[in-house]
Amino acid sequence: MMKIKRHAFILAAVWIAVFGMVFLGADPSEGSATNISQPTFKSHIIKRLRPEKADVGPSASFPTIYYRSILSNFYEKRDFNPLWILDNGLTSQADQLIRAIEEAELDGLISEDYHFYQLKPLIVDFKQALLQRLSFDPEKQADLDLLLTDAFLLFSSHLLSGRVIPNAVDSTWLFFNPVSDITLILNSNAYSSRIESFFDGLRPAHAAYYRLRNALQLYIGIQKKGGWPSIPSGPSLRIGDTHDRVDKIRKRLIVTADIDSPARNVKPAEFDESLMKGVQRFQNRHGIEPDGVVGLSTLTAMNVPVEDRIRQIELNLERWRWIPRDLGYRYILVNIADYSLEVVENQRTVLEMRVVVGKAYRRTPVFSEKMKHLVLNPFWNIPVKIAVEDKLPIIRKNPLYLTQQHIKVFENWSVDAPEVNPLFIDWFRVNSNYFPYRLRQDPGPLNALGRIKFMFPNKFAVYLHDTPQRGLFKKASRDFSSGCIRIEKPLELAEYLLQNDPHWPNQKITDTISSGVTTVVRIKDPIPVHLLYWTAWVTETGTVHFGNDIYDRDPPLSRALKTKLKDTFIPAENLTDLRAEK
């Protein structure tokens, strides 16, 4: 409940700051429409926001006002003067707001959430009345102003921190946009008189968000042109093959710019080298082994409708709105769904590598912590869950397994627990309900953590580490771990993290590893580690990628975004002030 309250508090904070500043501190009565009947405008605002104080209750057909309590206080402080209506028409901010709402789809949002279909006819009628020099119904003026104000706050809040509450969709998503970020955003944008600039300041301040936003426009454009052709099923196709399906594959790849339009002398049914390279490019973008062969997995990916790819982009734009705006001057970012890690410094990737992540039933969680130290030649204290579920069946079949793998057994988990000879234990009498022993694997070439372990304390006991199973990095899909992240280039990462520590030159790192002695090394400047989950992203070079939803996180988020806002919105007036909880 704490996180839900925090989310609502963020929105309330935006409201208070925005309307205290964004219109340059103007007096509420300045610029108000001279032809508005103030008593009628006021009474109608009260009817809409405080039906218990009005003579006549609001119409049941009137749209839901989401920030009823906050708006009521706001308009009262303005002496019930309109915010968006002037004597000669709407303010420029109102026109900008309408344009922004109309283009909400460019951020993966929907105009309908922001009263768009109720606002449009009101604006048309209002402007028509102005042209004909007719008096516009003050009650409709009140409705127009009120809906614009509510829409402004709704759109602001969704750009700022997302349309849905992360942990209401995925309980394992523990990455949230903290309240403290609000002050910085408002201080830099709230004094502007241009709504477009203000909204731009509320969007995630990450280049990756804007690259993904541009990709959404690209794929919406493809959709408007009819999408791409569906390719019939059939046998695998590769370079040198001739088949009538080849031409359809070529046309499919042209739509997404995986290949250029063919030269005139290209035979439509011939699978040539240029097509093979286009297939490989497509496979790389979709997390498929880039063998250049159009087999079942490649064909399936090619036949995903453009509407589904658009939705995939929209879901990941929402995820970007859930995370802090400041990830750090330098940080480590793991994209779980892409099996990749990158080290970013000053918005530039300085090191990247492949990773192995948790299996579907042992998911790598989504969270952020600071890496504070690393361990050279680590021991591996095998978690009880892994010991019982993975190791115990092997031990029962092969009593010498523990000795062969250099795994020692201790009587319990206390620091000074005595070692026990595994051959004296009846392994058929222990199980998930009774497993008192601690299994610890010694450092060495067989150790599951490899030669280096990178620690960032967290409640999941998840960390980055080396692995002796180097062949796994050659696979396209790499969800083989028990939750921790195995990394492709542990030595390079260690050298990067210790590069400014004169006590740990590169040679000393390798010498210590060669010695086999377990050594803890503190990182002088702890670095944030962000474990995230993107199923669509765009590289710095502009290449659009679609990953596999390995943990099935996309469907529940998609369902949540389809839910009517009025069915999921939590009114701020129903939530307590969070300042007392800090």
Foldseek 3Di string as FASTA:
>chain_A
DVLVLQLLVLLVVCLVLQVCAQQPNDQLVPQFAPLAPLVVLVLLLCQAQPVVPHPHHDDPPQDDQQQSVVVVVVCVVSVNTFDQAGNQGGDPQLVLLLVCLVVVVLLLAHSVQLCNVVQVVLRVVRVVCSVVVHRDDNSSVSSNRSSSSSSLSQLLSCQQAHLARVCVLPVLAPAFAGSVVSVVLCVVASNHNHSVSSSVSRHQQAVFLVLLSVVLVLLVVCVVVPFADQQDDDAKDAAADFDQSQLSLVRLLCSVPLAPDDDPPDDSRHHHPRQLSSLLLQCVQELHQSPSMCHDVSSVVSRPTSVVVSLQSSLQSRVSSGHYSDQDQWFWEAAQLQQKIFIDHNSRTDDIFGKFFAALVQHAGFDKFWFWWKKFQDKDWDDPVCCAPPVLVVCVVPVCVCVVLQKWKFQAPDPPTDTDDSVPDDSVVAHPVHDRIIIMHGGDLSHQQHGMWTDGDDPVPATEGAGNPQVLRSHSHRHDDNHHMYTNCVLVVVCVQCVPPPVDHSVNSVVVNVVSDIDMGTRPDIHMYGYHHRQWTADPVSRIHGGDPRNPSSVSSSVVSPDRSVVRRDHSVVHDDCPVVD
